[in-house]
Amino acid sequence: VKGSQTMNVISAIFALLGIVAFIVDLNLNGLYRSSFDYYSYLVLLAGNGISVVLLIFTILEFCIAVATANFWCRATRLSSNEAMLIVPSATQVDLAVPLADLPQPPSYTEVIYDPK
C-alpha cells in the first residue's frame, strides 16, 4: 500500500510537469507564423492537435493519480475505530478447471423455506 501510494504521488508530480511542458510547447509553437506556407501550416496544425490530445490525457492522468493517492492516504491513516471495506472482484483465474467442476448455486426448486 505504501509503495502504491508513493508511485501515485510520483505519477502526479510527473503528470504536472507534463502539463506544464505541453502548455509551454503550445505557447512556443503557436499557429501564427510570419511566412505563410500551406504545407507547413498543416504540419503545424497536426502537431498542435496531437499536443492538445496529449495535454488532455496528461490532465486525466494527473486527476486519476491524485485521486488514487488520496484514497491510499485515507486508507493508511484511519483511526482504530474506523473501518474501510475493500471488496475485490471474484473472477475465475484458473482456466484449467472447467466450470462444471465448480460448485453451482442451488436452483429455486432446491431451496426449502423454513419459517422458524
PDB file of N, CA and C in Angstrom:
ATOM      1  N   VAL A   1       0.835  -1.193   0.000  1.00  0.00           N
ATOM      2  CA  VAL A   1       0.000   0.000   0.000  1.00  0.00           C
ATOM      3  C   VAL A   1       0.877   1.253   0.000  1.00  0.00           C
ATOM      4  N   LYS A   2       1.912   1.241   0.806  1.00  0.00           N
ATOM      5  CA  LYS A   2       2.798   2.413   0.855  1.00  0.00           C
ATOM      6  C   LYS A   2       3.520   2.614  -0.482  1.00  0.00           C
ATOM      7  N   GLY A   3       3.928   1.518  -1.113  1.00  0.00           N
ATOM      8  CA  GLY A   3       4.591   1.624  -2.412  1.00  0.00           C
ATOM      9  C   GLY A   3       3.655   2.160  -3.482  1.00  0.00           C
ATOM     10  N   SER A   4       2.407   1.709  -3.448  1.00  0.00           N
ATOM     11  CA  SER A   4       1.419   2.204  -4.408  1.00  0.00           C
ATOM     12  C   SER A   4       1.146   3.689  -4.179  1.00  0.00           C
ATOM     13  N   GLN A   5       1.068   4.085  -2.928  1.00  0.00           N
ATOM     14  CA  GLN A   5       0.838   5.493  -2.604  1.00  0.00           C
ATOM     15  C   GLN A   5       2.016   6.345  -3.086  1.00  0.00           C
ATOM     16  N   THR A   6       3.237   5.865  -2.882  1.00  0.00           N
ATOM     17  CA  THR A   6       4.423   6.596  -3.325  1.00  0.00           C
ATOM     18  C   THR A   6       4.450   6.728  -4.843  1.00  0.00           C
ATOM     19  N   MET A   7       4.131   5.639  -5.546  1.00  0.00           N
ATOM     20  CA  MET A   7       4.135   5.686  -7.009  1.00  0.00           C
ATOM     21  C   MET A   7       3.044   6.613  -7.537  1.00  0.00           C
ATOM     22  N   ASN A   8       1.903   6.691  -6.872  1.00  0.00           N
ATOM     23  CA  ASN A   8       0.852   7.615  -7.304  1.00  0.00           C
ATOM     24  C   ASN A   8       1.262   9.063  -7.095  1.00  0.00           C
ATOM     25  N   VAL A   9       1.955   9.349  -6.013  1.00  0.00           N
ATOM     26  CA  VAL A   9       2.438  10.720  -5.787  1.00  0.00           C
ATOM     27  C   VAL A   9       3.483  11.083  -6.841  1.00  0.00           C
ATOM     28  N   ILE A  10       4.393  10.149  -7.143  1.00  0.00           N
ATOM     29  CA  ILE A  10       5.405  10.401  -8.181  1.00  0.00           C
ATOM     30  C   ILE A  10       4.736  10.586  -9.538  1.00  0.00           C
ATOM     31  N   SER A  11       3.721   9.771  -9.827  1.00  0.00           N
ATOM     32  CA  SER A  11       2.989   9.900 -11.093  1.00  0.00           C
ATOM     33  C   SER A  11       2.287  11.245 -11.183  1.00  0.00           C
ATOM     34  N   ALA A  12       1.720  11.717 -10.088  1.00  0.00           N
ATOM     35  CA  ALA A  12       1.054  13.028 -10.086  1.00  0.00           C
ATOM     36  C   ALA A  12       2.064  14.148 -10.321  1.00  0.00           C
ATOM     37  N   ILE A  13       3.252  14.035  -9.749  1.00  0.00           N
ATOM     38  CA  ILE A  13       4.284  15.066  -9.943  1.00  0.00           C
ATOM     39  C   ILE A  13       4.725  15.111 -11.401  1.00  0.00           C
ATOM     40  N   PHE A  14       4.974  13.942 -11.994  1.00  0.00           N
ATOM     41  CA  PHE A  14       5.410  13.920 -13.385  1.00  0.00           C
ATOM     42  C   PHE A  14       4.284  14.329 -14.335  1.00  0.00           C
ATOM     43  N   ALA A  15       3.042  14.014 -13.995  1.00  0.00           N
ATOM     44  CA  ALA A  15       1.924  14.465 -14.823  1.00  0.00           C
ATOM     45  C   ALA A  15       1.811  15.984 -14.775  1.00  0.00           C
ATOM     46  N   LEU A  16       2.043  16.582 -13.607  1.00  0.00           N
ATOM     47  CA  LEU A  16       2.021  18.038 -13.502  1.00  0.00           C
ATOM     48  C   LEU A  16       3.145  18.658 -14.326  1.00  0.00           C
ATOM     49  N   LEU A  17       4.327  18.039 -14.290  1.00  0.00           N
ATOM     50  CA  LEU A  17       5.428  18.525 -15.132  1.00  0.00           C
ATOM     51  C   LEU A  17       5.091  18.371 -16.616  1.00  0.00           C
ATOM     52  N   GLY A  18       4.400  17.301 -16.981  1.00  0.00           N
ATOM     53  CA  GLY A  18       3.983  17.104 -18.363  1.00  0.00           C
ATOM     54  C   GLY A  18       2.973  18.138 -18.810  1.00  0.00           C
ATOM     55  N   ILE A  19       2.056  18.505 -17.931  1.00  0.00           N
ATOM     56  CA  ILE A  19       1.075  19.548 -18.254  1.00  0.00           C
ATOM     57  C   ILE A  19       1.783  20.864 -18.533  1.00  0.00           C
ATOM     58  N   VAL A  20       2.743  21.204 -17.674  1.00  0.00           N
ATOM     59  CA  VAL A  20       3.496  22.444 -17.875  1.00  0.00           C
ATOM     60  C   VAL A  20       4.276  22.391 -19.187  1.00  0.00           C
ATOM     61  N   ALA A  21       4.881  21.229 -19.486  1.00  0.00           N
ATOM     62  CA  ALA A  21       5.657  21.105 -20.722  1.00  0.00           C
ATOM     63  C   ALA A  21       4.770  21.242 -21.954  1.00  0.00           C
ATOM     64  N   PHE A  22       3.579  20.658 -21.931  1.00  0.00           N
ATOM     65  CA  PHE A  22       2.682  20.769 -23.086  1.00  0.00           C
ATOM     66  C   PHE A  22       2.166  22.192 -23.267  1.00  0.00           C
ATOM     67  N   ILE A  23       1.891  22.880 -22.155  1.00  0.00           N
ATOM     68  CA  ILE A  23       1.435  24.268 -22.260  1.00  0.00           C
ATOM     69  C   ILE A  23       2.546  25.151 -22.825  1.00  0.00           C
ATOM     70  N   VAL A  24       3.782  24.929 -22.377  1.00  0.00           N
ATOM     71  CA  VAL A  24       4.919  25.694 -22.916  1.00  0.00           C
ATOM     72  C   VAL A  24       5.101  25.378 -24.395  1.00  0.00           C
ATOM     73  N   ASP A  25       4.964  24.105 -24.768  1.00  0.00           N
ATOM     74  CA  ASP A  25       5.099  23.713 -26.170  1.00  0.00           C
ATOM     75  C   ASP A  25       4.030  24.373 -27.033  1.00  0.00           C
ATOM     76  N   LEU A  26       2.800  24.414 -26.553  1.00  0.00           N
ATOM     77  CA  LEU A  26       1.731  25.054 -27.329  1.00  0.00           C
ATOM     78  C   LEU A  26       1.951  26.563 -27.444  1.00  0.00           C
ATOM     79  N   ASN A  27       2.526  27.180 -26.414  1.00  0.00           N
ATOM     80  CA  ASN A  27       2.791  28.620 -26.484  1.00  0.00           C
ATOM     81  C   ASN A  27       3.959  28.941 -27.416  1.00  0.00           C
ATOM     82  N   LEU A  28       4.989  28.101 -27.411  1.00  0.00           N
ATOM     83  CA  LEU A  28       6.146  28.354 -28.277  1.00  0.00           C
ATOM     84  C   LEU A  28       5.841  28.051 -29.740  1.00  0.00           C
ATOM     85  N   ASN A  29       5.062  27.027 -29.997  1.00  0.00           N
ATOM     86  CA  ASN A  29       4.734  26.632 -31.363  1.00  0.00           C
ATOM     87  C   ASN A  29       3.300  27.033 -31.691  1.00  0.00           C
ATOM     88  N   GLY A  30       3.020  28.303 -31.619  1.00  0.00           N
ATOM     89  CA  GLY A  30       1.674  28.799 -31.894  1.00  0.00           C
ATOM     90  C   GLY A  30       1.310  28.659 -33.352  1.00  0.00           C
ATOM     91  N   LEU A  31       0.074  28.969 -33.685  1.00  0.00           N
ATOM     92  CA  LEU A  31      -0.406  28.828 -35.055  1.00  0.00           C
ATOM     93  C   LEU A  31       0.045  29.969 -35.962  1.00  0.00           C
ATOM     94  N   TYR A  32       0.455  31.073 -35.406  1.00  0.00           N
ATOM     95  CA  TYR A  32       0.753  32.243 -36.227  1.00  0.00           C
ATOM     96  C   TYR A  32       2.234  32.308 -36.564  1.00  0.00           C
ATOM     97  N   ARG A  33       2.528  32.303 -37.841  1.00  0.00           N
ATOM     98  CA  ARG A  33       3.898  32.425 -38.333  1.00  0.00           C
ATOM     99  C   ARG A  33       3.952  33.592 -39.319  1.00  0.00           C
ATOM    100  N   SER A  34       5.131  34.168 -39.452  1.00  0.00           N
ATOM    101  CA  SER A  34       5.251  35.305 -40.374  1.00  0.00           C
ATOM    102  C   SER A  34       5.235  34.845 -41.830  1.00  0.00           C
ATOM    103  N   SER A  35       5.860  33.720 -42.128  1.00  0.00           N
ATOM    104  CA  SER A  35       5.844  33.210 -43.502  1.00  0.00           C
ATOM    105  C   SER A  35       4.728  32.172 -43.608  1.00  0.00           C
ATOM    106  N   PHE A  36       3.758  32.449 -44.466  1.00  0.00           N
ATOM    107  CA  PHE A  36       2.604  31.571 -44.586  1.00  0.00           C
ATOM    108  C   PHE A  36       2.837  30.586 -45.720  1.00  0.00           C
ATOM    109  N   ASP A  37       2.952  29.327 -45.361  1.00  0.00           N
ATOM    110  CA  ASP A  37       3.078  28.241 -46.326  1.00  0.00           C
ATOM    111  C   ASP A  37       2.015  27.209 -45.953  1.00  0.00           C
ATOM    112  N   TYR A  38       1.223  26.774 -46.913  1.00  0.00           N
ATOM    113  CA  TYR A  38       0.085  25.902 -46.632  1.00  0.00           C
ATOM    114  C   TYR A  38       0.540  24.563 -46.056  1.00  0.00           C
ATOM    115  N   TYR A  39       1.619  23.973 -46.611  1.00  0.00           N
ATOM    116  CA  TYR A  39       2.104  22.686 -46.129  1.00  0.00           C
ATOM    117  C   TYR A  39       2.617  22.793 -44.693  1.00  0.00           C
ATOM    118  N   SER A  40       3.396  23.803 -44.396  1.00  0.00           N
ATOM    119  CA  SER A  40       3.916  23.958 -43.032  1.00  0.00           C
ATOM    120  C   SER A  40       2.790  24.296 -42.057  1.00  0.00           C
ATOM    121  N   TYR A  41       1.754  24.985 -42.549  1.00  0.00           N
ATOM    122  CA  TYR A  41       0.598  25.284 -41.697  1.00  0.00           C
ATOM    123  C   TYR A  41      -0.120  23.992 -41.307  1.00  0.00           C
ATOM    124  N   LEU A  42      -0.277  23.047 -42.259  1.00  0.00           N
ATOM    125  CA  LEU A  42      -0.937  21.779 -41.955  1.00  0.00           C
ATOM    126  C   LEU A  42      -0.109  20.932 -40.990  1.00  0.00           C
ATOM    127  N   VAL A  43       1.203  20.930 -41.189  1.00  0.00           N
ATOM    128  CA  VAL A  43       2.077  20.186 -40.287  1.00  0.00           C
ATOM    129  C   VAL A  43       2.015  20.779 -38.888  1.00  0.00           C
ATOM    130  N   LEU A  44       2.032  22.099 -38.801  1.00  0.00           N
ATOM    131  CA  LEU A  44       1.945  22.773 -37.511  1.00  0.00           C
ATOM    132  C   LEU A  44       0.595  22.527 -36.854  1.00  0.00           C
ATOM    133  N   LEU A  45      -0.470  22.538 -37.639  1.00  0.00           N
ATOM    134  CA  LEU A  45      -1.810  22.284 -37.107  1.00  0.00           C
ATOM    135  C   LEU A  45      -1.932  20.854 -36.594  1.00  0.00           C
ATOM    136  N   ALA A  46      -1.366  19.887 -37.326  1.00  0.00           N
ATOM    137  CA  ALA A  46      -1.402  18.492 -36.873  1.00  0.00           C
ATOM    138  C   ALA A  46      -0.586  18.314 -35.595  1.00  0.00           C
ATOM    139  N   GLY A  47       0.566  18.942 -35.533  1.00  0.00           N
ATOM    140  CA  GLY A  47       1.392  18.858 -34.327  1.00  0.00           C
ATOM    141  C   GLY A  47       0.710  19.470 -33.123  1.00  0.00           C
ATOM    142  N   ASN A  48       0.040  20.597 -33.308  1.00  0.00           N
ATOM    143  CA  ASN A  48      -0.689  21.213 -32.204  1.00  0.00           C
ATOM    144  C   ASN A  48      -1.882  20.363 -31.787  1.00  0.00           C
ATOM    145  N   GLY A  49      -2.533  19.710 -32.750  1.00  0.00           N
ATOM    146  CA  GLY A  49      -3.651  18.828 -32.417  1.00  0.00           C
ATOM    147  C   GLY A  49      -3.203  17.654 -31.574  1.00  0.00           C
ATOM    148  N   ILE A  50      -2.060  17.070 -31.943  1.00  0.00           N
ATOM    149  CA  ILE A  50      -1.520  15.964 -31.153  1.00  0.00           C
ATOM    150  C   ILE A  50      -1.137  16.449 -29.758  1.00  0.00           C
ATOM    151  N   SER A  51      -0.555  17.624 -29.660  1.00  0.00           N
ATOM    152  CA  SER A  51      -0.174  18.169 -28.346  1.00  0.00           C
ATOM    153  C   SER A  51      -1.394  18.425 -27.476  1.00  0.00           C
ATOM    154  N   VAL A  52      -2.484  18.890 -28.074  1.00  0.00           N
ATOM    155  CA  VAL A  52      -3.703  19.144 -27.295  1.00  0.00           C
ATOM    156  C   VAL A  52      -4.291  17.826 -26.778  1.00  0.00           C
ATOM    157  N   VAL A  53      -4.300  16.794 -27.618  1.00  0.00           N
ATOM    158  CA  VAL A  53      -4.807  15.491 -27.176  1.00  0.00           C
ATOM    159  C   VAL A  53      -3.931  14.932 -26.062  1.00  0.00           C
ATOM    160  N   LEU A  54      -2.615  15.036 -26.207  1.00  0.00           N
ATOM    161  CA  LEU A  54      -1.719  14.574 -25.148  1.00  0.00           C
ATOM    162  C   LEU A  54      -1.884  15.393 -23.873  1.00  0.00           C
ATOM    163  N   LEU A  55      -2.157  16.678 -24.007  1.00  0.00           N
ATOM    164  CA  LEU A  55      -2.408  17.523 -22.836  1.00  0.00           C
ATOM    165  C   LEU A  55      -3.664  17.060 -22.099  1.00  0.00           C
ATOM    166  N   ILE A  56      -4.706  16.719 -22.840  1.00  0.00           N
ATOM    167  CA  ILE A  56      -5.942  16.238 -22.213  1.00  0.00           C
ATOM    168  C   ILE A  56      -5.689  14.933 -21.470  1.00  0.00           C
ATOM    169  N   PHE A  57      -4.953  13.996 -22.089  1.00  0.00           N
ATOM    170  CA  PHE A  57      -4.659  12.733 -21.416  1.00  0.00           C
ATOM    171  C   PHE A  57      -3.753  12.929 -20.207  1.00  0.00           C
ATOM    172  N   THR A  58      -2.846  13.896 -20.267  1.00  0.00           N
ATOM    173  CA  THR A  58      -1.974  14.171 -19.128  1.00  0.00           C
ATOM    174  C   THR A  58      -2.766  14.764 -17.971  1.00  0.00           C
ATOM    175  N   ILE A  59      -3.731  15.624 -18.274  1.00  0.00           N
ATOM    176  CA  ILE A  59      -4.601  16.167 -17.219  1.00  0.00           C
ATOM    177  C   ILE A  59      -5.422  15.052 -16.602  1.00  0.00           C
ATOM    178  N   LEU A  60      -5.923  14.137 -17.420  1.00  0.00           N
ATOM    179  CA  LEU A  60      -6.679  12.992 -16.905  1.00  0.00           C
ATOM    180  C   LEU A  60      -5.794  12.106 -16.033  1.00  0.00           C
ATOM    181  N   GLU A  61      -4.561  11.875 -16.456  1.00  0.00           N
ATOM    182  CA  GLU A  61      -3.627  11.085 -15.649  1.00  0.00           C
ATOM    183  C   GLU A  61      -3.355  11.765 -14.314  1.00  0.00           C
ATOM    184  N   PHE A  62      -3.201  13.079 -14.324  1.00  0.00           N
ATOM    185  CA  PHE A  62      -2.963  13.815 -13.084  1.00  0.00           C
ATOM    186  C   PHE A  62      -4.144  13.664 -12.127  1.00  0.00           C
ATOM    187  N   CYS A  63      -5.360  13.793 -12.652  1.00  0.00           N
ATOM    188  CA  CYS A  63      -6.548  13.671 -11.802  1.00  0.00           C
ATOM    189  C   CYS A  63      -6.668  12.274 -11.201  1.00  0.00           C
ATOM    190  N   ILE A  64      -6.412  11.245 -12.004  1.00  0.00           N
ATOM    191  CA  ILE A  64      -6.506   9.877 -11.503  1.00  0.00           C
ATOM    192  C   ILE A  64      -5.418   9.606 -10.466  1.00  0.00           C
ATOM    193  N   ALA A  65      -4.203  10.083 -10.707  1.00  0.00           N
ATOM    194  CA  ALA A  65      -3.107   9.859  -9.761  1.00  0.00           C
ATOM    195  C   ALA A  65      -3.370  10.560  -8.435  1.00  0.00           C
ATOM    196  N   VAL A  66      -3.898  11.770  -8.479  1.00  0.00           N
ATOM    197  CA  VAL A  66      -4.189  12.498  -7.235  1.00  0.00           C
ATOM    198  C   VAL A  66      -5.329  11.819  -6.476  1.00  0.00           C
ATOM    199  N   ALA A  67      -6.370  11.393  -7.190  1.00  0.00           N
ATOM    200  CA  ALA A  67      -7.496  10.729  -6.524  1.00  0.00           C
ATOM    201  C   ALA A  67      -7.064   9.405  -5.897  1.00  0.00           C
ATOM    202  N   THR A  68      -6.249   8.637  -6.598  1.00  0.00           N
ATOM    203  CA  THR A  68      -5.788   7.361  -6.057  1.00  0.00           C
ATOM    204  C   THR A  68      -4.838   7.570  -4.885  1.00  0.00           C
ATOM    205  N   ALA A  69      -3.957   8.546  -4.969  1.00  0.00           N
ATOM    206  CA  ALA A  69      -3.064   8.844  -3.848  1.00  0.00           C
ATOM    207  C   ALA A  69      -3.860   9.290  -2.628  1.00  0.00           C
ATOM    208  N   ASN A  70      -4.900  10.063  -2.849  1.00  0.00           N
ATOM    209  CA  ASN A  70      -5.767  10.489  -1.743  1.00  0.00           C
ATOM    210  C   ASN A  70      -6.476   9.288  -1.117  1.00  0.00           C
ATOM    211  N   PHE A  71      -6.945   8.368  -1.934  1.00  0.00           N
ATOM    212  CA  PHE A  71      -7.612   7.174  -1.425  1.00  0.00           C
ATOM    213  C   PHE A  71      -6.665   6.344  -0.563  1.00  0.00           C
ATOM    214  N   TRP A  72      -5.434   6.113  -1.046  1.00  0.00           N
ATOM    215  CA  TRP A  72      -4.488   5.318  -0.274  1.00  0.00           C
ATOM    216  C   TRP A  72      -4.040   6.054   0.978  1.00  0.00           C
ATOM    217  N   CYS A  73      -3.962   7.373   0.910  1.00  0.00           N
ATOM    218  CA  CYS A  73      -3.587   8.153   2.104  1.00  0.00           C
ATOM    219  C   CYS A  73      -4.661   8.019   3.178  1.00  0.00           C
ATOM    220  N   ARG A  74      -5.923   8.099   2.761  1.00  0.00           N
ATOM    221  CA  ARG A  74      -7.016   7.918   3.727  1.00  0.00           C
ATOM    222  C   ARG A  74      -7.044   6.496   4.262  1.00  0.00           C
ATOM    223  N   ALA A  75      -6.730   5.511   3.423  1.00  0.00           N
ATOM    224  CA  ALA A  75      -6.766   4.114   3.852  1.00  0.00           C
ATOM    225  C   ALA A  75      -5.671   3.806   4.864  1.00  0.00           C
ATOM    226  N   THR A  76      -4.517   4.445   4.751  1.00  0.00           N
ATOM    227  CA  THR A  76      -3.421   4.161   5.676  1.00  0.00           C
ATOM    228  C   THR A  76      -3.488   5.001   6.940  1.00  0.00           C
ATOM    229  N   ARG A  77      -4.293   6.040   6.958  1.00  0.00           N
ATOM    230  CA  ARG A  77      -4.351   6.907   8.127  1.00  0.00           C
ATOM    231  C   ARG A  77      -5.672   6.820   8.878  1.00  0.00           C
ATOM    232  N   LEU A  78      -6.362   5.700   8.773  1.00  0.00           N
ATOM    233  CA  LEU A  78      -7.613   5.543   9.511  1.00  0.00           C
ATOM    234  C   LEU A  78      -7.327   5.357  10.993  1.00  0.00           C
ATOM    235  N   SER A  79      -8.205   5.881  11.825  1.00  0.00           N
ATOM    236  CA  SER A  79      -8.045   5.655  13.257  1.00  0.00           C
ATOM    237  C   SER A  79      -8.532   4.244  13.594  1.00  0.00           C
ATOM    238  N   SER A  80      -8.302   3.801  14.805  1.00  0.00           N
ATOM    239  CA  SER A  80      -8.585   2.412  15.165  1.00  0.00           C
ATOM    240  C   SER A  80     -10.080   2.102  15.179  1.00  0.00           C
ATOM    241  N   ASN A  81     -10.947   3.098  15.361  1.00  0.00           N
ATOM    242  CA  ASN A  81     -12.374   2.810  15.423  1.00  0.00           C
ATOM    243  C   ASN A  81     -13.072   2.959  14.074  1.00  0.00           C
ATOM    244  N   GLU A  82     -12.361   3.296  13.027  1.00  0.00           N
ATOM    245  CA  GLU A  82     -12.955   3.395  11.700  1.00  0.00           C
ATOM    246  C   GLU A  82     -12.633   2.140  10.902  1.00  0.00           C
ATOM    247  N   ALA A  83     -13.536   1.803  10.021  1.00  0.00           N
ATOM    248  CA  ALA A  83     -13.329   0.626   9.173  1.00  0.00           C
ATOM    249  C   ALA A  83     -13.453   1.033   7.714  1.00  0.00           C
ATOM    250  N   MET A  84     -12.672   0.371   6.887  1.00  0.00           N
ATOM    251  CA  MET A  84     -12.741   0.618   5.458  1.00  0.00           C
ATOM    252  C   MET A  84     -12.905  -0.723   4.773  1.00  0.00           C
ATOM    253  N   LEU A  85     -13.905  -0.831   3.927  1.00  0.00           N
ATOM    254  CA  LEU A  85     -14.195  -2.080   3.248  1.00  0.00           C
ATOM    255  C   LEU A  85     -13.700  -2.013   1.814  1.00  0.00           C
ATOM    256  N   ILE A  86     -12.819  -2.929   1.454  1.00  0.00           N
ATOM    257  CA  ILE A  86     -12.330  -3.049   0.084  1.00  0.00           C
ATOM    258  C   ILE A  86     -12.786  -4.407  -0.414  1.00  0.00           C
ATOM    259  N   VAL A  87     -13.667  -4.413  -1.419  1.00  0.00           N
ATOM    260  CA  VAL A  87     -14.233  -5.655  -1.925  1.00  0.00           C
ATOM    261  C   VAL A  87     -13.537  -6.001  -3.241  1.00  0.00           C
ATOM    262  N   PRO A  88     -12.773  -7.093  -3.248  1.00  0.00           N
ATOM    263  CA  PRO A  88     -12.149  -7.494  -4.508  1.00  0.00           C
ATOM    264  C   PRO A  88     -13.165  -8.165  -5.419  1.00  0.00           C
ATOM    265  N   SER A  89     -12.941  -8.064  -6.695  1.00  0.00           N
ATOM    266  CA  SER A  89     -13.843  -8.736  -7.626  1.00  0.00           C
ATOM    267  C   SER A  89     -13.411 -10.187  -7.755  1.00  0.00           C
ATOM    268  N   ALA A  90     -14.373 -11.078  -7.742  1.00  0.00           N
ATOM    269  CA  ALA A  90     -14.084 -12.508  -7.821  1.00  0.00           C
ATOM    270  C   ALA A  90     -14.167 -12.952  -9.275  1.00  0.00           C
ATOM    271  N   THR A  91     -13.071 -13.448  -9.786  1.00  0.00           N
ATOM    272  CA  THR A  91     -13.049 -13.969 -11.145  1.00  0.00           C
ATOM    273  C   THR A  91     -12.383 -15.327 -11.131  1.00  0.00           C
ATOM    274  N   GLN A  92     -12.652 -16.108 -12.150  1.00  0.00           N
ATOM    275  CA  GLN A  92     -12.015 -17.405 -12.274  1.00  0.00           C
ATOM    276  C   GLN A  92     -10.663 -17.201 -12.943  1.00  0.00           C
ATOM    277  N   VAL A  93      -9.590 -17.497 -12.231  1.00  0.00           N
ATOM    278  CA  VAL A  93      -8.263 -17.286 -12.787  1.00  0.00           C
ATOM    279  C   VAL A  93      -7.639 -18.573 -13.283  1.00  0.00           C
ATOM    280  N   ASP A  94      -8.090 -19.711 -12.771  1.00  0.00           N
ATOM    281  CA  ASP A  94      -7.533 -20.982 -13.206  1.00  0.00           C
ATOM    282  C   ASP A  94      -8.375 -21.504 -14.356  1.00  0.00           C
ATOM    283  N   LEU A  95      -7.890 -21.319 -15.575  1.00  0.00           N
ATOM    284  CA  LEU A  95      -8.658 -21.722 -16.742  1.00  0.00           C
ATOM    285  C   LEU A  95      -8.595 -23.226 -16.980  1.00  0.00           C
ATOM    286  N   ALA A  96      -7.708 -23.937 -16.258  1.00  0.00           N
ATOM    287  CA  ALA A  96      -7.625 -25.384 -16.412  1.00  0.00           C
ATOM    288  C   ALA A  96      -8.798 -26.090 -15.743  1.00  0.00           C
ATOM    289  N   VAL A  97      -9.432 -25.451 -14.764  1.00  0.00           N
ATOM    290  CA  VAL A  97     -10.573 -26.041 -14.078  1.00  0.00           C
ATOM    291  C   VAL A  97     -11.831 -25.732 -14.882  1.00  0.00           C
ATOM    292  N   PRO A  98     -12.518 -26.754 -15.347  1.00  0.00           N
ATOM    293  CA  PRO A  98     -13.745 -26.479 -16.099  1.00  0.00           C
ATOM    294  C   PRO A  98     -14.841 -25.940 -15.190  1.00  0.00           C
ATOM    295  N   LEU A  99     -15.758 -25.216 -15.773  1.00  0.00           N
ATOM    296  CA  LEU A  99     -16.830 -24.595 -14.990  1.00  0.00           C
ATOM    297  C   LEU A  99     -17.752 -25.628 -14.360  1.00  0.00           C
ATOM    298  N   ALA A 100     -17.887 -26.821 -14.945  1.00  0.00           N
ATOM    299  CA  ALA A 100     -18.785 -27.836 -14.396  1.00  0.00           C
ATOM    300  C   ALA A 100     -18.274 -28.359 -13.064  1.00  0.00           C
ATOM    301  N   ASP A 101     -16.967 -28.323 -12.820  1.00  0.00           N
ATOM    302  CA  ASP A 101     -16.412 -28.834 -11.571  1.00  0.00           C
ATOM    303  C   ASP A 101     -16.593 -27.860 -10.409  1.00  0.00           C
ATOM    304  N   LEU A 102     -16.901 -26.628 -10.691  1.00  0.00           N
ATOM    305  CA  LEU A 102     -17.099 -25.650  -9.636  1.00  0.00           C
ATOM    306  C   LEU A 102     -18.480 -25.814  -9.033  1.00  0.00           C
ATOM    307  N   PRO A 103     -18.639 -25.593  -7.727  1.00  0.00           N
ATOM    308  CA  PRO A 103     -19.973 -25.729  -7.126  1.00  0.00           C
ATOM    309  C   PRO A 103     -20.916 -24.651  -7.664  1.00  0.00           C
ATOM    310  N   GLN A 104     -22.097 -25.077  -8.032  1.00  0.00           N
ATOM    311  CA  GLN A 104     -23.095 -24.171  -8.581  1.00  0.00           C
ATOM    312  C   GLN A 104     -24.081 -23.782  -7.480  1.00  0.00           C
ATOM    313  N   PRO A 105     -24.665 -22.593  -7.549  1.00  0.00           N
ATOM    314  CA  PRO A 105     -25.662 -22.217  -6.546  1.00  0.00           C
ATOM    315  C   PRO A 105     -26.917 -23.084  -6.706  1.00  0.00           C
ATOM    316  N   PRO A 106     -27.659 -23.266  -5.626  1.00  0.00           N
ATOM    317  CA  PRO A 106     -28.858 -24.113  -5.729  1.00  0.00           C
ATOM    318  C   PRO A 106     -29.925 -23.449  -6.593  1.00  0.00           C
ATOM    319  N   SER A 107     -30.745 -24.280  -7.218  1.00  0.00           N
ATOM    320  CA  SER A 107     -31.829 -23.746  -8.028  1.00  0.00           C
ATOM    321  C   SER A 107     -32.984 -23.366  -7.110  1.00  0.00           C
ATOM    322  N   TYR A 108     -33.981 -22.698  -7.655  1.00  0.00           N
ATOM    323  CA  TYR A 108     -35.116 -22.261  -6.853  1.00  0.00           C
ATOM    324  C   TYR A 108     -35.931 -23.437  -6.331  1.00  0.00           C
ATOM    325  N   THR A 109     -35.937 -24.539  -7.020  1.00  0.00           N
ATOM    326  CA  THR A 109     -36.717 -25.695  -6.568  1.00  0.00           C
ATOM    327  C   THR A 109     -36.025 -26.421  -5.433  1.00  0.00           C
ATOM    328  N   GLU A 110     -34.727 -26.264  -5.285  1.00  0.00           N
ATOM    329  CA  GLU A 110     -33.997 -26.937  -4.216  1.00  0.00           C
ATOM    330  C   GLU A 110     -34.014 -26.159  -2.904  1.00  0.00           C
ATOM    331  N   VAL A 111     -34.361 -24.901  -2.928  1.00  0.00           N
ATOM    332  CA  VAL A 111     -34.352 -24.078  -1.722  1.00  0.00           C
ATOM    333  C   VAL A 111     -35.612 -24.390  -0.922  1.00  0.00           C
ATOM    334  N   ILE A 112     -35.421 -24.697   0.339  1.00  0.00           N
ATOM    335  CA  ILE A 112     -36.537 -25.021   1.219  1.00  0.00           C
ATOM    336  C   ILE A 112     -36.762 -23.847   2.149  1.00  0.00           C
ATOM    337  N   TYR A 113     -38.002 -23.385   2.195  1.00  0.00           N
ATOM    338  CA  TYR A 113     -38.346 -22.267   3.048  1.00  0.00           C
ATOM    339  C   TYR A 113     -38.662 -22.794   4.437  1.00  0.00           C
ATOM    340  N   ASP A 114     -37.942 -22.308   5.461  1.00  0.00           N
ATOM    341  CA  ASP A 114     -38.150 -22.761   6.830  1.00  0.00           C
ATOM    342  C   ASP A 114     -38.479 -21.561   7.705  1.00  0.00           C
ATOM    343  N   PRO A 115     -39.777 -21.282   7.961  1.00  0.00           N
ATOM    344  CA  PRO A 115     -40.151 -20.100   8.757  1.00  0.00           C
ATOM    345  C   PRO A 115     -40.107 -20.393  10.256  1.00  0.00           C
ATOM    346  N   LYS A 116     -38.958 -20.367  10.847  1.00  0.00           N
ATOM    347  CA  LYS A 116     -38.845 -20.646  12.291  1.00  0.00           C
ATOM    348  C   LYS A 116     -39.090 -19.436  13.105  1.00  0.00           C
TER     349      LYS A 116
END
